[in-house]
Amino acid sequence: MEQDNKKTCLYDKHVAQGALMSPFGGFIMPIQYTNIVDEHQAVRQACGVFDVSHMGEVLVSGAQAERYVNHIFTNDVTDMPAGKILYGMMCYDNGGVVDDLLVYKMSSDRFFLVINAANIDKDWAWMQEQAAGYDITLEHQSEQYGELAIQGPQAEGVMKEVLGISCQELSFYTFKQLGDVIVSRTGYTGEDGFEVYATPNYINECWDKLMAAGVKPCGLGCRDTLRFEVGLPLYGDELSADITPIMAGLGIFVKLDKQEFIGREALARQKAEGPQKKLVGIELQDKAIPRHGYAVLKDGKVIGEVTTGYHTISTDKSVCMALIDASCAALGTEVDIQIRKKTFPGTVVKKQFYSKNYKK
């Protein structure tokens, strides 16, 4: 199985450290080193580091770079200052999601796009298709970059003391360039943290320094539990070609007052009419764990299904996110979840099961 998957620049180090490796998004990735609970708590309470070199990077440059990015992106980069980052989606004409991504504005004619590993080939083909008629250059830079995510309340100190990078001036969703290295105050954990994009050699050096300093290596297992607890979506679960940003409750990242972007008409219509399905949080009274694909019922009738579910590490509750009929999506609505042959009662709650702790 491993030979079918790509390896990140840190693969040999993960194997040497005894990490449990498994395929994810076309790569063979570390799922855990010790155990998911320890790694999760390290990020919530101190600092942990993730190898996220599987993510994809595309550089858009040229006279019409800003116009092009605005055409394919639901958020609005027009008045965005250089050094700022925006989150948003690329959508199909029908409002379904090609991918969710981060857009880094280097200048008015240079944008750095960070895309999901599992979607790299699809996104790249789609971006090239949309580029017709624009005075831009698209560069697929995924092979040139490794990436680390240093996350947790102690991350700023670790960046300075271990890696020698001072980040005090960076506010949330801003970045700076240090030669070939990009450092941003971003993450996917609900905690303060940083992401470092650099050459594979530099990423290896950083990893060695972090390990020598005793920073906890973390796998994709706790990356999922961390993002889930704070209600952050994962493409393929909470967003997809069939799940629009409006259905997912991410309308804040869809700027319908923008003159045009792909999917605008469909999303404007869906917002005006109200989506038929909505993404909600559900809390179970029982310890049973709802998993992806399990049915959600109301009065014995299937009204949707679970997208992600866990017994949360930070709050000790069985909760899930689920895409259900909008008519049943009001907070406090009582529903049931089918777990194997039994049904368990639950209540619709907010999707954020744990409070985010970002530096503004």
Protein backbone atom coordinates (compact mmCIF):
# COMPACT_ATOMS: atom_id res chain seq x y z
CA MET A 1 0.00 0.00 0.00
CA GLU A 2 2.81 2.41 0.92
CA GLN A 3 4.36 2.34 -2.55
CA ASP A 4 1.19 3.88 -4.03
CA ASN A 5 1.45 6.91 -1.75
CA LYS A 6 3.82 9.87 -1.82
CA LYS A 7 6.14 10.57 1.09
CA THR A 8 6.84 13.92 2.71
CA CYS A 9 10.38 15.18 3.26
CA LEU A 10 10.17 14.01 6.90
CA TYR A 11 8.97 10.46 6.16
CA ASP A 12 12.20 8.74 7.26
CA LYS A 13 12.20 10.68 10.55
CA HIS A 14 8.62 9.63 11.34
CA VAL A 15 9.48 5.98 10.69
CA ALA A 16 12.64 6.24 12.82
CA GLN A 17 10.56 7.74 15.64
CA GLY A 18 8.20 4.77 15.53
CA ALA A 19 5.16 6.72 14.30
CA LEU A 20 2.09 4.78 13.21
CA MET A 21 1.99 5.52 9.46
CA SER A 22 -1.12 5.36 7.27
CA PRO A 23 -2.31 6.64 3.87
CA PHE A 24 -3.99 10.07 3.86
CA GLY A 25 -4.72 12.26 0.85
CA GLY A 26 -2.34 10.35 -1.41
CA PHE A 27 0.52 10.47 1.10
CA ILE A 28 1.78 8.07 3.73
CA MET A 29 1.49 10.14 6.92
CA PRO A 30 2.07 9.80 10.66
CA ILE A 31 -1.25 9.19 12.47
CA GLN A 32 0.24 9.12 15.97
CA TYR A 33 3.60 8.81 17.73
CA THR A 34 2.62 7.94 21.31
CA ASN A 35 -1.17 8.24 21.50
CA ILE A 36 -3.79 10.67 20.22
CA VAL A 37 -4.86 11.86 23.68
CA ASP A 38 -1.32 12.83 24.77
CA GLU A 39 -0.64 14.61 21.49
CA HIS A 40 -4.01 16.41 21.57
CA GLN A 41 -3.40 17.61 25.15
CA ALA A 42 0.12 18.78 24.30
CA VAL A 43 -1.34 21.16 21.70
CA ARG A 44 -4.15 22.35 24.00
CA GLN A 45 -1.84 22.90 26.98
CA ALA A 46 1.70 23.51 25.69
CA CYS A 47 2.98 23.01 22.12
CA GLY A 48 3.06 20.30 19.48
CA VAL A 49 4.45 20.11 15.95
CA PHE A 50 2.82 18.53 12.89
CA ASP A 51 4.36 17.57 9.56
CA VAL A 52 1.88 19.06 7.09
CA SER A 53 4.19 18.90 4.07
CA HIS A 54 1.44 16.99 2.23
CA MET A 55 -0.46 20.25 1.67
CA GLY A 56 -0.35 21.75 -1.83
CA GLU A 57 0.97 25.18 -2.82
CA VAL A 58 0.22 27.19 -5.97
CA LEU A 59 1.70 30.60 -6.81
CA VAL A 60 -0.43 32.96 -8.90
CA SER A 61 1.50 35.91 -10.34
CA GLY A 62 1.06 38.50 -13.06
CA ALA A 63 -0.81 41.69 -13.93
CA GLN A 64 -4.25 40.08 -13.48
CA ALA A 65 -3.41 37.86 -10.48
CA GLU A 66 -5.81 39.69 -8.16
CA ARG A 67 -8.64 39.56 -10.68
CA TYR A 68 -8.08 35.86 -11.29
CA VAL A 69 -7.95 34.93 -7.59
CA ASN A 70 -11.15 36.88 -6.97
CA HIS A 71 -12.79 35.00 -9.87
CA ILE A 72 -12.08 31.53 -8.39
CA PHE A 73 -12.33 32.41 -4.65
CA THR A 74 -15.44 33.06 -2.54
CA ASN A 75 -13.71 35.59 -0.26
CA ASP A 76 -12.61 39.04 -1.50
CA VAL A 77 -8.90 39.83 -1.94
CA THR A 78 -9.44 43.33 -3.42
CA ASP A 79 -8.76 45.48 -0.35
CA MET A 80 -6.58 42.92 1.35
CA PRO A 81 -3.17 44.29 2.40
CA ALA A 82 0.02 42.40 1.51
CA GLY A 83 1.01 40.14 4.40
CA LYS A 84 -2.60 39.15 5.11
CA ILE A 85 -4.23 35.71 4.67
CA LEU A 86 -7.86 34.90 3.86
CA TYR A 87 -9.74 31.63 4.21
CA GLY A 88 -12.41 30.70 1.69
CA MET A 89 -13.56 28.24 -0.93
CA MET A 90 -13.22 27.57 -4.64
CA CYS A 91 -16.65 26.57 -5.93
CA TYR A 92 -18.21 25.02 -8.98
CA ASP A 93 -20.94 26.89 -10.86
CA ASN A 94 -23.59 25.04 -8.83
CA GLY A 95 -22.08 26.22 -5.50
CA GLY A 96 -20.51 22.87 -4.61
CA VAL A 97 -16.96 23.11 -3.29
CA VAL A 98 -13.84 22.31 -5.34
CA ASP A 99 -11.73 22.87 -2.21
CA ASP A 100 -11.32 25.13 0.81
CA LEU A 101 -8.02 26.97 0.97
CA LEU A 102 -5.88 29.77 2.34
CA VAL A 103 -4.87 32.72 0.14
CA TYR A 104 -1.67 34.57 1.13
CA LYS A 105 -1.32 38.00 -0.49
CA MET A 106 2.36 38.69 -1.19
CA SER A 107 1.61 41.76 -3.36
CA SER A 108 -1.14 42.90 -5.70
CA ASP A 109 0.33 40.67 -8.41
CA ARG A 110 1.48 37.66 -6.30
CA PHE A 111 -0.77 35.30 -4.37
CA PHE A 112 0.25 32.07 -2.62
CA LEU A 113 -2.58 29.51 -2.42
CA VAL A 114 -2.49 26.60 0.04
CA ILE A 115 -4.74 23.68 -0.89
CA ASN A 116 -5.67 20.29 0.57
CA ALA A 117 -3.42 17.30 -0.09
CA ALA A 118 -6.20 15.02 -1.32
CA ASN A 119 -7.30 17.65 -3.86
CA ILE A 120 -3.94 18.76 -5.28
CA ASP A 121 -4.29 17.20 -8.75
CA LYS A 122 -7.98 18.07 -9.10
CA ASP A 123 -7.43 21.67 -7.89
CA TRP A 124 -4.42 22.21 -10.15
CA ALA A 125 -6.33 21.01 -13.24
CA TRP A 126 -9.32 23.17 -12.30
CA MET A 127 -7.20 26.28 -11.65
CA GLN A 128 -5.47 25.88 -15.02
CA GLU A 129 -8.84 25.55 -16.74
CA GLN A 130 -10.11 28.78 -15.14
CA ALA A 131 -6.92 30.68 -16.05
CA ALA A 132 -7.79 30.94 -19.75
CA GLY A 133 -7.84 34.59 -20.85
CA TYR A 134 -6.06 35.92 -17.75
CA ASP A 135 -2.64 37.58 -17.89
CA ILE A 136 -1.18 35.38 -15.13
CA THR A 137 1.37 32.66 -14.48
CA LEU A 138 0.35 29.64 -12.39
CA GLU A 139 3.15 27.70 -10.68
CA HIS A 140 2.56 24.34 -9.01
CA GLN A 141 5.04 24.62 -6.11
CA SER A 142 3.95 21.69 -3.95
CA GLU A 143 7.19 19.76 -4.54
CA GLN A 144 9.32 22.77 -3.57
CA TYR A 145 7.87 23.18 -0.09
CA GLY A 146 7.81 21.25 3.14
CA GLU A 147 5.55 22.58 5.87
CA LEU A 148 5.43 22.42 9.66
CA ALA A 149 2.56 23.47 11.93
CA ILE A 150 3.76 24.50 15.40
CA GLN A 151 0.63 24.77 17.52
CA GLY A 152 -0.37 25.52 21.11
CA PRO A 153 -0.27 28.28 23.75
CA GLN A 154 3.54 28.05 23.97
CA ALA A 155 4.06 28.15 20.18
CA GLU A 156 5.30 31.75 20.02
CA GLY A 157 8.03 31.01 22.59
CA VAL A 158 9.02 27.81 20.78
CA MET A 159 9.31 29.65 17.46
CA LYS A 160 11.70 32.18 19.00
CA GLU A 161 13.71 30.01 21.39
CA VAL A 162 14.02 26.85 19.29
CA LEU A 163 13.83 28.08 15.69
CA GLY A 164 15.15 31.61 16.22
CA ILE A 165 12.11 33.17 14.51
CA SER A 166 10.46 36.06 16.34
CA CYS A 167 6.72 36.19 15.57
CA GLN A 168 5.51 38.69 18.14
CA GLU A 169 4.44 41.18 15.46
CA LEU A 170 2.28 38.66 13.60
CA SER A 171 -1.43 38.83 14.36
CA PHE A 172 -3.80 35.97 13.51
CA TYR A 173 -3.97 35.30 9.75
CA THR A 174 -0.91 37.37 8.83
CA PHE A 175 2.48 36.21 7.56
CA LYS A 176 6.02 37.32 6.80
CA GLN A 177 8.71 36.17 4.41
CA LEU A 178 12.26 35.52 5.58
CA GLY A 179 14.09 34.89 2.32
CA ASP A 180 12.69 31.61 0.99
CA VAL A 181 10.80 30.89 4.23
CA ILE A 182 7.15 31.85 4.78
CA VAL A 183 5.94 32.04 8.39
CA SER A 184 2.25 32.58 9.16
CA ARG A 185 0.18 32.80 12.33
CA THR A 186 -2.29 30.14 11.26
CA GLY A 187 -3.27 26.60 12.12
CA TYR A 188 -6.05 24.06 12.22
CA THR A 189 -6.27 23.33 15.93
CA GLY A 190 -8.20 26.16 17.59
CA GLU A 191 -5.02 27.20 19.42
CA ASP A 192 -2.46 29.91 18.76
CA GLY A 193 0.18 28.67 16.36
CA PHE A 194 2.32 29.06 13.28
CA GLU A 195 2.89 27.39 9.94
CA VAL A 196 6.33 27.39 8.33
CA TYR A 197 6.72 26.80 4.56
CA ALA A 198 10.28 26.24 3.37
CA THR A 199 12.62 23.96 1.42
CA PRO A 200 12.66 20.30 2.49
CA ASN A 201 16.21 20.75 3.86
CA TYR A 202 15.18 23.65 6.07
CA ILE A 203 12.07 21.78 7.29
CA ASN A 204 14.28 18.81 8.24
CA GLU A 205 16.60 21.12 10.19
CA CYS A 206 13.65 22.69 12.00
CA TRP A 207 12.22 19.27 12.87
CA ASP A 208 15.54 18.16 14.36
CA LYS A 209 15.76 21.33 16.48
CA LEU A 210 12.18 20.91 17.71
CA MET A 211 12.76 17.25 18.60
CA ALA A 212 16.02 18.10 20.42
CA ALA A 213 14.13 20.75 22.42
CA GLY A 214 11.49 18.22 23.46
CA VAL A 215 8.56 19.63 21.45
CA LYS A 216 5.96 16.88 21.07
CA PRO A 217 5.53 15.46 17.55
CA CYS A 218 1.85 15.12 16.67
CA GLY A 219 0.11 13.02 14.05
CA LEU A 220 -2.94 13.51 11.88
CA GLY A 221 -5.06 11.63 14.44
CA CYS A 222 -5.05 14.50 16.91
CA ARG A 223 -5.04 17.07 14.10
CA ASP A 224 -8.54 15.76 13.37
CA THR A 225 -9.72 15.71 17.00
CA LEU A 226 -8.38 19.25 17.53
CA ARG A 227 -9.99 20.78 14.44
CA PHE A 228 -13.25 18.94 15.09
CA GLU A 229 -13.61 20.23 18.67
CA VAL A 230 -13.56 23.84 17.47
CA GLY A 231 -15.92 23.23 14.54
CA LEU A 232 -13.41 23.56 11.70
CA PRO A 233 -14.44 21.71 8.51
CA LEU A 234 -12.53 18.94 6.75
CA TYR A 235 -12.94 18.70 2.98
CA GLY A 236 -14.69 15.44 2.15
CA ASP A 237 -16.60 15.48 5.44
CA GLU A 238 -18.08 18.96 6.10
CA LEU A 239 -17.42 20.39 2.61
CA SER A 240 -17.59 18.67 -0.77
CA ALA A 241 -18.88 18.97 -4.32
CA ASP A 242 -22.31 18.28 -2.76
CA ILE A 243 -21.96 20.40 0.40
CA THR A 244 -21.89 24.15 -0.28
CA PRO A 245 -20.39 26.80 2.04
CA ILE A 246 -23.94 28.00 2.81
CA MET A 247 -25.02 24.51 3.89
CA ALA A 248 -21.85 24.23 5.99
CA GLY A 249 -22.58 27.53 7.80
CA LEU A 250 -19.54 29.21 6.23
CA GLY A 251 -21.41 32.05 4.51
CA ILE A 252 -19.17 34.60 6.26
CA PHE A 253 -16.40 33.52 3.84
CA VAL A 254 -18.65 33.98 0.78
CA LYS A 255 -18.66 37.63 -0.32
CA LEU A 256 -21.85 37.88 -2.37
CA ASP A 257 -21.36 41.65 -2.75
CA LYS A 258 -18.34 40.89 -4.95
CA GLN A 259 -19.09 41.61 -8.62
CA GLU A 260 -18.55 38.01 -9.72
CA PHE A 261 -16.94 34.72 -8.81
CA ILE A 262 -17.56 31.14 -9.85
CA GLY A 263 -20.64 29.82 -8.05
CA ARG A 264 -21.88 33.26 -6.97
CA GLU A 265 -25.36 33.00 -8.51
CA ALA A 266 -26.05 29.55 -7.08
CA LEU A 267 -24.81 30.54 -3.62
CA ALA A 268 -26.77 33.83 -3.63
CA ARG A 269 -29.92 31.90 -4.55
CA GLN A 270 -29.29 29.30 -1.85
CA LYS A 271 -28.69 31.96 0.78
CA ALA A 272 -31.88 33.82 -0.21
CA GLU A 273 -34.06 30.70 -0.28
CA GLY A 274 -32.34 28.94 2.60
CA PRO A 275 -30.48 25.65 2.09
CA GLN A 276 -32.40 22.37 2.29
CA LYS A 277 -29.63 20.82 4.40
CA LYS A 278 -27.57 22.38 7.19
CA LEU A 279 -24.46 21.34 9.06
CA VAL A 280 -25.11 21.19 12.82
CA GLY A 281 -23.51 19.99 16.02
CA ILE A 282 -25.20 17.17 17.95
CA GLU A 283 -24.46 16.17 21.54
CA LEU A 284 -25.37 12.66 22.67
CA GLN A 285 -26.53 11.86 26.19
CA ASP A 286 -24.69 8.53 25.98
CA LYS A 287 -20.98 7.68 25.71
CA ALA A 288 -21.57 5.99 22.31
CA ILE A 289 -19.47 7.50 19.50
CA PRO A 290 -21.21 8.64 16.30
CA ARG A 291 -19.01 8.05 13.23
CA HIS A 292 -18.93 9.45 9.69
CA GLY A 293 -21.89 8.19 7.64
CA TYR A 294 -24.11 7.15 10.58
CA ALA A 295 -27.78 8.08 10.06
CA VAL A 296 -29.46 10.91 11.99
CA LEU A 297 -33.19 10.41 12.62
CA LYS A 298 -36.14 12.52 13.75
CA ASP A 299 -39.29 10.69 14.81
CA GLY A 300 -37.94 7.53 13.21
CA LYS A 301 -37.29 9.16 9.82
CA VAL A 302 -33.77 9.63 8.41
CA ILE A 303 -33.03 13.36 8.18
CA GLY A 304 -29.29 13.28 7.44
CA GLU A 305 -25.98 11.76 8.42
CA VAL A 306 -22.93 12.31 10.61
CA THR A 307 -19.93 13.98 8.93
CA THR A 308 -17.45 13.67 11.85
CA GLY A 309 -17.93 12.34 15.37
CA TYR A 310 -15.80 11.74 18.47
CA HIS A 311 -15.90 11.45 22.23
CA THR A 312 -14.12 14.76 22.71
CA ILE A 313 -10.79 14.76 24.51
CA SER A 314 -11.09 18.33 25.86
CA THR A 315 -14.72 18.24 27.06
CA ASP A 316 -15.39 14.50 27.62
CA LYS A 317 -18.61 14.45 25.58
CA SER A 318 -19.90 12.33 22.70
CA VAL A 319 -20.59 14.82 19.92
CA CYS A 320 -20.67 15.02 16.15
CA MET A 321 -21.18 17.31 13.23
CA ALA A 322 -23.96 16.20 10.91
CA LEU A 323 -25.60 17.37 7.70
CA ILE A 324 -29.35 17.25 8.31
CA ASP A 325 -32.63 18.65 6.96
CA ALA A 326 -32.73 22.40 7.60
CA SER A 327 -36.21 22.03 9.14
CA CYS A 328 -34.61 20.08 12.04
CA ALA A 329 -31.51 22.26 12.45
CA ALA A 330 -32.68 24.66 15.20
CA LEU A 331 -30.61 24.59 18.40
CA GLY A 332 -32.24 22.37 21.01
CA THR A 333 -33.95 20.06 18.49
CA GLU A 334 -34.02 16.49 19.74
CA VAL A 335 -32.81 13.83 17.28
CA ASP A 336 -31.55 10.25 17.32
CA ILE A 337 -28.38 8.76 15.87
CA GLN A 338 -28.26 5.21 14.56
CA ILE A 339 -25.11 3.53 15.89
CA ARG A 340 -25.00 -0.02 14.58
CA LYS A 341 -28.36 -1.59 15.57
CA LYS A 342 -29.31 0.88 18.29
CA THR A 343 -30.47 4.50 18.30
CA PHE A 344 -29.12 7.03 20.78
CA PRO A 345 -30.84 10.33 21.68
CA GLY A 346 -29.07 13.62 21.01
CA THR A 347 -29.65 17.35 20.90
CA VAL A 348 -28.72 19.88 18.21
CA VAL A 349 -26.04 22.24 19.62
CA LYS A 350 -23.50 24.72 18.26
CA LYS A 351 -20.78 23.15 16.06
CA GLN A 352 -18.02 24.63 18.20
CA PHE A 353 -17.67 22.13 21.04
CA TYR A 354 -14.60 23.83 22.54
CA SER A 355 -13.68 27.53 22.63
CA LYS A 356 -10.98 28.68 20.21
CA ASN A 357 -7.88 30.27 21.71
CA TYR A 358 -6.32 32.45 19.00
CA LYS A 359 -4.11 35.52 19.34
CA LYS A 360 -5.99 38.37 17.63
